[in-house]
Structure formats: structure tokens, C-alpha cells
Protein backbone atom coordinates (compact mmCIF):
# COMPACT_ATOMS: atom_id res chain seq x y z
CA MET A 1 109.55 11.90 147.44
CA ALA A 2 109.30 15.26 149.13
CA VAL A 3 110.20 15.59 152.78
CA SER A 4 107.12 16.23 154.91
CA LEU A 5 107.70 18.66 157.78
CA GLU A 6 104.30 18.08 159.27
CA LYS A 7 105.29 15.06 161.38
CA PRO A 8 108.74 14.96 163.02
CA PHE A 9 108.97 11.19 163.33
CA THR A 10 107.07 7.91 162.68
CA PHE A 11 105.76 5.84 165.55
CA ILE A 12 104.31 2.36 164.90
CA CYS A 13 103.11 0.37 167.89
CA GLY A 14 100.64 -2.36 169.00
CA ALA A 15 100.18 -5.49 171.08
CA ASP A 16 101.63 -7.91 168.56
CA ASP A 17 105.42 -7.55 167.95
CA PHE A 18 105.20 -9.51 164.67
CA LEU A 19 102.57 -7.22 163.10
CA VAL A 20 104.33 -4.09 164.42
CA GLY A 21 107.73 -5.36 163.10
CA ARG A 22 106.28 -6.21 159.70
CA LEU A 23 104.66 -2.81 159.28
CA GLY A 24 107.83 -1.21 160.56
CA ARG A 25 109.98 -2.98 157.99
CA ALA A 26 107.63 -1.85 155.21
CA ARG A 27 107.75 1.76 156.45
CA TYR A 28 111.55 1.62 156.80
CA ASP A 29 111.93 0.46 153.19
CA GLU A 30 109.79 3.39 152.07
CA LEU A 31 111.94 5.87 153.97
CA ALA A 32 115.19 4.22 152.87
CA ALA A 33 114.25 4.56 149.17
CA ASP A 34 115.00 8.32 149.53
CA ILE A 35 118.21 7.77 151.55
CA THR A 36 120.44 5.72 149.26
CA ASP A 37 123.69 6.15 151.19
CA GLU A 38 123.84 3.12 153.44
CA PHE A 39 126.13 4.97 155.87
CA SER A 40 123.35 7.37 156.50
CA ARG A 41 120.96 4.67 157.62
CA GLU A 42 121.10 3.12 161.16
CA THR A 43 119.04 0.53 162.98
CA LEU A 44 119.14 0.43 166.80
CA GLU A 45 117.77 -2.44 168.91
CA GLY A 46 115.36 -1.14 171.54
CA PHE A 47 114.63 -4.35 173.47
CA SER A 48 115.55 -3.82 177.13
CA ALA A 49 115.53 -6.38 179.92
CA ASN A 50 115.98 -3.86 182.74
CA VAL A 51 116.12 -0.18 183.59
CA ASP A 52 119.88 0.08 182.90
CA GLU A 53 119.37 -1.20 179.38
CA VAL A 54 116.55 1.28 178.82
CA GLU A 55 118.83 4.15 179.74
CA ALA A 56 121.51 2.77 177.44
CA VAL A 57 119.08 2.47 174.53
CA VAL A 58 117.89 6.09 174.93
CA ALA A 59 121.51 7.24 175.19
CA ARG A 60 122.46 5.45 171.91
CA PHE A 61 119.37 6.78 170.21
CA ARG A 62 120.13 10.43 171.29
CA GLU A 63 123.73 10.05 169.99
CA SER A 64 122.62 8.52 166.72
CA VAL A 65 120.02 11.21 166.06
CA LEU A 66 122.50 14.01 166.72
CA THR A 67 125.15 12.49 164.49
CA VAL A 68 125.73 14.40 161.30
CA SER A 69 125.83 12.37 158.07
CA MET A 70 129.36 11.80 156.80
CA PHE A 71 128.57 12.98 153.34
CA GLY A 72 125.84 15.42 154.24
CA GLY A 73 122.15 14.94 153.43
CA ARG A 74 119.34 13.31 155.37
CA ARG A 75 119.78 10.43 157.77
CA LEU A 76 117.48 7.56 158.74
CA VAL A 77 117.35 6.08 162.22
CA TRP A 78 115.09 3.11 163.13
CA LEU A 79 114.66 2.30 166.84
CA LYS A 80 113.07 -1.16 166.65
CA ASP A 81 111.56 -3.72 169.02
CA VAL A 82 111.05 -1.23 171.83
CA ASN A 83 109.47 -3.08 174.79
CA PHE A 84 109.81 -0.67 177.68
CA LEU A 85 106.66 1.36 176.92
CA GLY A 86 104.31 -1.31 178.14
CA ASP A 87 102.69 -2.03 181.49
CA SER A 88 105.60 -4.10 182.88
CA VAL A 89 107.98 -3.97 185.88
CA THR A 90 110.59 -2.26 183.75
CA GLY A 91 107.96 0.02 182.09
CA ARG A 92 106.62 1.20 185.40
CA ALA A 93 110.02 2.01 187.01
CA GLU A 94 110.80 5.64 187.81
CA SER A 95 114.11 5.52 186.01
CA THR A 96 112.36 4.21 182.83
CA ALA A 97 109.89 7.14 183.11
CA ARG A 98 112.76 9.61 183.23
CA ALA A 99 114.46 7.86 180.27
CA VAL A 100 111.27 8.11 178.33
CA GLU A 101 110.95 11.79 179.10
CA SER A 102 114.47 12.19 177.76
CA LEU A 103 113.43 10.33 174.65
CA GLN A 104 110.45 12.59 174.18
CA GLU A 105 112.71 15.66 174.52
CA VAL A 106 114.96 14.40 171.73
CA LEU A 107 111.94 13.62 169.46
CA ALA A 108 110.43 17.02 170.13
CA LYS A 109 113.63 18.82 168.91
CA VAL A 110 114.37 16.76 165.86
CA SER A 111 114.21 18.24 162.38
CA PRO A 112 112.60 15.81 159.88
CA ALA A 113 114.53 17.58 157.12
CA ASP A 114 117.80 16.36 158.68
CA VAL A 115 116.87 12.93 160.02
CA ALA A 116 113.97 10.56 159.46
CA ILE A 117 113.10 8.66 162.62
CA LEU A 118 111.12 5.50 162.89
CA ILE A 119 110.24 3.85 166.18
CA THR A 120 108.44 0.48 166.47
CA ALA A 121 107.17 -0.64 169.93
CA ALA A 122 105.21 -3.51 171.34
CA PRO A 123 103.51 -3.84 173.69
CA VAL A 124 102.58 -0.26 174.73
CA ASP A 125 100.56 1.14 177.66
CA ARG A 126 98.02 3.39 175.97
CA ARG A 127 97.33 5.21 179.26
CA LYS A 128 100.75 6.77 179.44
CA SER A 129 101.44 10.39 178.49
CA PHE A 130 104.16 9.42 176.05
CA PHE A 131 101.83 7.23 174.01
CA LYS A 132 99.25 10.06 173.87
CA TRP A 133 101.93 12.55 172.89
CA CYS A 134 103.14 10.29 170.06
CA GLU A 135 99.56 9.75 168.92
CA LYS A 136 99.17 13.53 168.51
CA THR A 137 102.64 14.42 167.32
CA ALA A 138 103.94 11.56 165.13
CA ASP A 139 103.08 9.82 161.91
CA PHE A 140 101.26 7.31 164.11
CA ALA A 141 99.96 3.76 163.55
CA PHE A 142 98.55 1.26 166.08
CA VAL A 143 98.43 -2.34 164.90
CA GLY A 144 96.19 -5.09 166.19
CA ALA A 145 94.32 -5.45 169.51
CA ALA A 146 95.48 -6.44 172.91
CA THR A 147 93.39 -9.22 174.44
CA GLY A 148 90.15 -11.15 174.32
CA GLU A 149 87.72 -11.19 171.47
CA ASP A 150 89.21 -7.89 170.13
CA ALA A 151 92.41 -9.78 169.60
CA ALA A 152 90.55 -12.61 167.95
CA GLU A 153 88.89 -10.18 165.54
CA SER A 154 92.23 -8.60 164.83
CA LEU A 155 93.80 -12.03 163.98
CA ALA A 156 90.84 -12.79 161.74
CA MET A 157 91.26 -9.49 159.88
CA THR A 158 94.99 -10.12 159.58
CA ALA A 159 94.37 -13.54 158.00
CA LEU A 160 91.72 -12.20 155.58
CA ALA A 161 93.89 -9.23 154.55
CA GLU A 162 96.88 -11.51 153.96
CA ALA A 163 94.78 -13.87 151.85
CA LYS A 164 93.38 -10.95 149.83
CA ALA A 165 96.91 -9.62 149.19
CA LEU A 166 97.88 -13.06 147.88
CA GLY A 167 94.89 -13.32 145.59
CA VAL A 168 93.01 -16.05 147.44
CA THR A 169 89.86 -16.31 149.50
CA LEU A 170 89.37 -17.94 152.92
CA GLU A 171 86.06 -19.76 153.47
CA ARG A 172 84.48 -18.85 156.80
CA ASP A 173 84.90 -22.35 158.25
CA ALA A 174 88.44 -22.46 156.98
CA LEU A 175 89.19 -19.17 158.75
CA SER A 176 87.70 -20.50 162.00
CA LEU A 177 89.75 -23.70 161.91
CA LEU A 178 92.87 -21.78 160.94
CA LEU A 179 92.44 -19.41 163.87
CA ALA A 180 91.81 -22.34 166.21
CA ARG A 181 94.96 -24.10 165.14
CA SER A 182 97.12 -21.03 165.21
CA GLY A 183 96.13 -19.80 168.66
CA ALA A 184 97.46 -16.31 169.23
CA ASN A 185 100.60 -16.87 167.17
CA THR A 186 100.34 -14.17 164.45
CA ARG A 187 103.59 -15.17 162.87
CA PHE A 188 102.43 -18.77 162.37
CA LEU A 189 99.07 -17.57 161.19
CA VAL A 190 100.52 -15.40 158.40
CA SER A 191 102.95 -18.14 157.45
CA GLU A 192 100.10 -20.64 157.14
CA VAL A 193 98.00 -18.27 154.99
CA ASN A 194 100.98 -17.94 152.64
CA LYS A 195 101.44 -21.73 152.53
CA LEU A 196 97.75 -22.33 151.86
CA ALA A 197 97.77 -19.65 149.23
CA ALA A 198 100.66 -21.26 147.39
CA TYR A 199 98.81 -24.58 147.56
CA ALA A 200 95.47 -23.12 146.34
CA ASP A 201 97.00 -20.93 143.57
CA SER A 202 95.92 -17.37 142.81
CA GLY A 203 92.21 -16.77 142.42
CA LYS A 204 91.22 -19.94 144.26
CA THR A 205 89.32 -20.45 147.55
CA ILE A 206 90.97 -22.04 150.57
CA SER A 207 88.57 -24.55 152.12
CA GLU A 208 88.27 -26.06 155.55
CA ALA A 209 89.55 -29.35 154.10
CA ASP A 210 92.71 -27.57 152.95
CA VAL A 211 93.37 -26.22 156.44
CA GLU A 212 92.53 -29.62 157.98
CA GLU A 213 95.11 -31.32 155.71
CA LEU A 214 97.90 -28.78 155.72
CA THR A 215 97.88 -26.80 158.97
CA PRO A 216 99.24 -28.34 162.19
CA ASN A 217 97.55 -27.52 165.50
CA ILE A 218 99.98 -25.55 167.66
CA ALA A 219 97.33 -23.98 169.89
CA GLU A 220 98.03 -25.76 173.11
CA GLY A 221 95.01 -25.74 175.34
CA ASP A 222 92.77 -24.45 172.56
CA PHE A 223 89.61 -26.61 172.11
CA PHE A 224 87.87 -24.51 169.54
CA GLU A 225 87.94 -27.10 166.78
CA ALA A 226 85.91 -29.75 168.59
CA THR A 227 83.50 -27.11 170.01
CA GLU A 228 83.00 -25.56 166.57
CA ARG A 229 82.29 -28.86 164.88
CA PHE A 230 79.97 -29.99 167.71
CA PHE A 231 77.69 -26.90 167.35
CA ARG A 232 77.81 -27.16 163.60
CA GLY A 233 76.17 -30.58 163.94
CA ASP A 234 79.16 -32.34 162.39
CA LEU A 235 79.16 -35.72 164.17
CA ARG A 236 81.92 -37.33 162.07
CA GLY A 237 84.11 -34.23 162.40
CA VAL A 238 83.67 -33.85 166.13
CA LEU A 239 84.47 -37.53 166.70
CA ALA A 240 87.63 -37.11 164.67
CA ALA A 241 88.51 -33.93 166.71
CA PHE A 242 88.01 -35.95 169.94
CA ASP A 243 90.26 -38.68 168.73
CA ARG A 244 93.06 -36.19 168.03
CA HIS A 245 92.50 -34.54 171.35
CA PHE A 246 92.76 -37.76 173.44
CA PHE A 247 95.54 -39.15 171.22
CA ALA A 248 97.64 -36.12 172.41
CA GLY A 249 96.97 -37.23 175.99
CA GLU A 250 94.62 -34.35 176.84
CA SER A 251 91.87 -34.34 179.44
CA ALA A 252 88.10 -34.27 178.81
CA ARG A 253 87.40 -31.43 181.31
CA PRO A 254 88.64 -28.45 179.30
CA LEU A 255 86.69 -29.83 176.37
CA LEU A 256 83.51 -29.91 178.42
CA ALA A 257 84.18 -26.41 179.78
CA SER A 258 84.63 -25.04 176.24
CA MET A 259 81.46 -26.65 174.98
CA GLN A 260 79.49 -25.50 178.03
CA ASN A 261 80.60 -21.92 177.59
CA ARG A 262 79.58 -21.94 173.92
CA ASN A 263 76.18 -23.55 174.67
CA ARG A 264 75.37 -21.04 177.44
CA LEU A 265 75.82 -18.26 174.93
CA LEU A 266 73.77 -20.06 172.30
CA ILE A 267 70.94 -20.62 174.82
CA GLN A 268 70.84 -16.86 175.35
CA LEU A 269 70.85 -16.21 171.62
CA ARG A 270 68.04 -18.65 170.98
CA ALA A 271 66.06 -17.17 173.79
CA LEU A 272 66.17 -13.79 171.98
CA ALA A 273 64.82 -15.38 168.75
CA PRO A 274 61.38 -16.80 167.90
CA GLN A 275 61.26 -20.57 168.30
CA GLY A 276 62.98 -22.08 165.30
CA GLY A 277 63.48 -18.65 163.82
CA ARG A 278 66.60 -16.79 162.75
CA ALA A 279 69.20 -15.85 165.31
CA PRO A 280 69.12 -12.21 166.42
CA ASP A 281 71.27 -9.66 164.64
CA LYS A 282 73.57 -7.08 166.28
CA SER A 283 70.93 -4.38 166.73
CA THR A 284 68.60 -6.85 168.34
CA ILE A 285 71.25 -7.96 170.79
CA GLU A 286 72.07 -4.34 171.62
CA ARG A 287 68.45 -3.56 172.36
CA ALA A 288 68.15 -6.67 174.52
CA ALA A 289 71.30 -5.65 176.38
CA SER A 290 69.76 -2.33 177.36
CA VAL A 291 66.78 -4.18 178.85
CA TYR A 292 68.18 -7.43 180.33
CA GLY A 293 71.90 -6.71 180.80
CA LYS A 294 71.41 -5.29 184.29
CA HIS A 295 70.09 -8.61 185.56
CA PHE A 296 73.49 -10.30 185.13
CA VAL A 297 75.72 -10.52 188.18
CA GLY A 298 78.72 -8.25 187.49
CA ALA A 299 76.98 -6.87 184.45
CA GLY A 300 79.88 -4.66 183.55
CA GLU A 301 82.41 -7.49 183.63
CA LYS A 302 83.26 -9.80 180.80
CA ASN A 303 82.46 -13.45 181.53
CA ALA A 304 81.52 -16.55 179.54
CA ALA A 305 78.01 -16.75 181.04
CA ASN A 306 76.92 -13.22 179.96
CA LEU A 307 76.09 -12.82 176.28
CA PHE A 308 76.00 -9.03 176.58
CA SER A 309 79.58 -8.84 177.88
CA GLN A 310 81.00 -10.52 174.73
CA ASN A 311 82.69 -8.71 171.83
CA ALA A 312 80.21 -7.66 169.21
CA TRP A 313 82.15 -9.37 166.42
CA TYR A 314 82.24 -12.67 168.31
CA VAL A 315 78.47 -12.52 169.11
CA GLY A 316 77.67 -11.67 165.52
CA LYS A 317 79.77 -14.63 164.37
CA LEU A 318 77.87 -16.92 166.78
CA ALA A 319 74.54 -15.50 165.67
CA ALA A 320 75.36 -15.84 161.98
CA GLY A 321 76.46 -19.40 162.43
CA ALA A 322 73.78 -20.48 164.87
CA LYS A 323 71.91 -23.61 163.93
CA THR A 324 68.14 -23.71 163.80
CA TRP A 325 68.11 -26.02 166.75
CA PRO A 326 65.24 -25.00 169.07
CA LEU A 327 65.98 -23.63 172.51
CA LYS A 328 64.90 -26.93 174.13
CA HIS A 329 67.69 -28.79 172.23
CA HIS A 330 70.34 -26.47 173.62
CA ILE A 331 68.96 -26.94 177.13
CA ASP A 332 69.09 -30.71 176.51
CA ILE A 333 72.74 -30.33 175.42
CA GLN A 334 73.50 -28.43 178.62
CA LEU A 335 72.01 -31.21 180.64
CA ALA A 336 73.94 -33.83 178.66
CA LEU A 337 77.19 -31.95 179.28
CA ALA A 338 76.53 -31.97 183.00
CA GLU A 339 75.83 -35.71 182.83
CA ALA A 340 79.06 -36.19 180.92
CA PHE A 341 81.00 -34.36 183.63
CA GLU A 342 79.53 -36.68 186.26
CA ALA A 343 80.40 -39.66 184.03
CA ILE A 344 84.06 -38.80 183.78
CA ILE A 345 84.25 -38.59 187.55
CA ALA A 346 82.70 -42.05 187.83
CA ARG A 347 84.77 -43.48 184.87
CA PRO A 348 88.05 -41.54 184.99
CA LYS A 349 89.75 -44.02 182.64
CA GLU A 350 87.07 -43.81 180.01
CA GLU A 351 87.06 -40.07 179.27
CA ALA A 352 87.31 -40.60 175.46
CA ALA A 353 84.37 -43.08 175.53
CA VAL A 354 82.30 -40.69 177.58
CA MET A 355 82.89 -37.84 175.09
CA ARG A 356 82.03 -40.04 172.10
CA GLU A 357 78.80 -41.08 173.81
CA LEU A 358 77.97 -37.44 174.45
CA ALA A 359 78.48 -36.52 170.77
CA VAL A 360 76.37 -39.47 169.51
CA LYS A 361 73.65 -38.70 172.08
CA CYS A 362 73.41 -34.98 171.10
CA LEU A 363 74.11 -35.17 167.37
CA GLY A 364 73.27 -38.74 166.36
């Protein structure tokens, strides 16, 4: 492979250290294929708990980059797991800023013909000048999304891409349940896709039943499964999800909050559609936002009560999966949820029974 002199170094970053590290390992293997002498390859740990460690990391990196190969030829240096480029106490310190300036000076002077440099960092503050400089100067890659529904979309895309690479397909409901049970743990998500793919065999489809049977729920405080099944009209499934929830000793209140948040958004979606008709698509929602969005309190802020503040992927997912329940039924559900909240206050030792009654009343 010919040495490219266009980009002096490779910079891979993102919000998820697992995704960044995995892509970094793949890129390192590519670079190492051309540098067969193991003494010409070096990996440095970039994780730093305080400013002193940041300065030490940069000093070791400078020394490594300036070291001449014992037998001549090109060298490879990987600075991995860098964590001092994010918006943290250490990342905001003046001493860290000076160390990062020193790091930039080294990178600006390096000759890619003499040394191949790979840096992997997570998380990163995209507002900082060093990030913007790397984006313009380096062979640059940003992996994943930071928070909220953008992160949920990124996780979904990661799962689908992993399944495709393994030669299997994830059903939509299987993907939803898998994301719910994995929470924000990307490492666990990828591991589970691999396990499910091995179970399903190449060319097969992974179903919701497969995920239900094989994937444990590690998403503490995540009540997506019960909410998803409820608004799918799956009475048997939601009762089973309630049983698992209360068997684990959890409270009914976060369940109710999750269901109310979802129902509020569905009420708004149904209000934008003809009675009993299809849910609105993305363009319809965008047009509605330009007309009605201004009427929401804090219209520019993201909150669970404002449909127009949600991520477009998430809204599209809700719209695509919306039932043909009329608007009145969603309003009845909202009233039933409020009554259930009053019931658990009056019957605090019967929360499981209250939730079962709610499901039967709304879905039975």
C-alpha cells in the first residue's frame, strides 16, 4: 500500500468508547499490515484521570513520535483511549489546554512518510479548536451520536449494520426489544447481535421471540418493553412484561410515566391525521411544526410533551408503527393512566394489580 502524504495522521473519535475503539483496532490492523517489524509499532494508553497524567501522556507521545526506528523504515504509533478531549473537569483545565496545544504542534510537524499516527478518543468536545483542526487536517472519522434520540438512532444503525455483516436480518420488533434490553450499552448490544446471529444461522431472520428468549434485560430503569407492547395492543405481552417488572421489585410510577410520555406523542400524531386514517409522514410533521410548533411552551427545547422537539427518526418510527386507534381512544388511555396513578396512591401495596387492571381496561 502506498504511503499517502495528504493526511499527516488518523483521528477517530466519538461519544461511544466501544465503537471508537473497535474502528480504531480495524484501522490499526490496516496500518500495521505495511509495518511488519513489531519493534516499529507502539501503542500508548491515553486515558488520563487528572491534568498531570494528561501532560505525561503528551510527553510520552512526543517522545515516541520522535523516536527513530531501530532498523529504519516507517513507524506506527497508536495513542488510544484518549479521554481528555471531552467536556470534563480535566478537559476544561488550562493545563490540559496547553498540553493539547503541544500535542497539536507535534501532529502538525509529523511526516507521514516516517511515522503513521493513529489517535482514538472518546468522548470529545466538538466545540474545541483542536477537534475542528483535526477534522480539517487528519484522516478523520466521528463514530456514533452523543445523547438522546440521536444516540438511539446510532445504536439502531449499529445493530443493523452488525447483523448485515453477519448475514442475518433483524425484524423491526426484534430490533426495538433488543435496544430496550441493551440500554445504552453498545458493547452488550453488539455481543447480543453476534449471539443471535449464531443462533439464527446465516441468511436467517432474527425475530422478536428470539430476542425475548435469548437476550437478558440489563437496561436498569428502562421501561421501553412494556410501553412498546402496550401501544402495539399486545395484551398478553404487556401483562408478561408487567410481571417481570414487578418480580424485579420495581415501582409502577416510572412505568406510568413512560406510557404517558408515549401516549402524549401519539395523541399529537393522531391529531395530525384524518380520523382512523394513516399516521402522518415526516414531511407532514415538518409542515405542521412550522405552523403549530410556536404554540408549545419552550418550543425550542426538547421535552416529552412536544412532538416537534423529538428526533425525526424517533417520530418516524412512532408514526410508522402507530395503530389505527382513533384519537378518542388515546385520550381515553390518557385518562385511564391518570386514574391508575390515583389508584396506586390509594392502594400502594397493589401496584401490580393496578397495572394489570389498566392493561385489561385499555386493551381487553
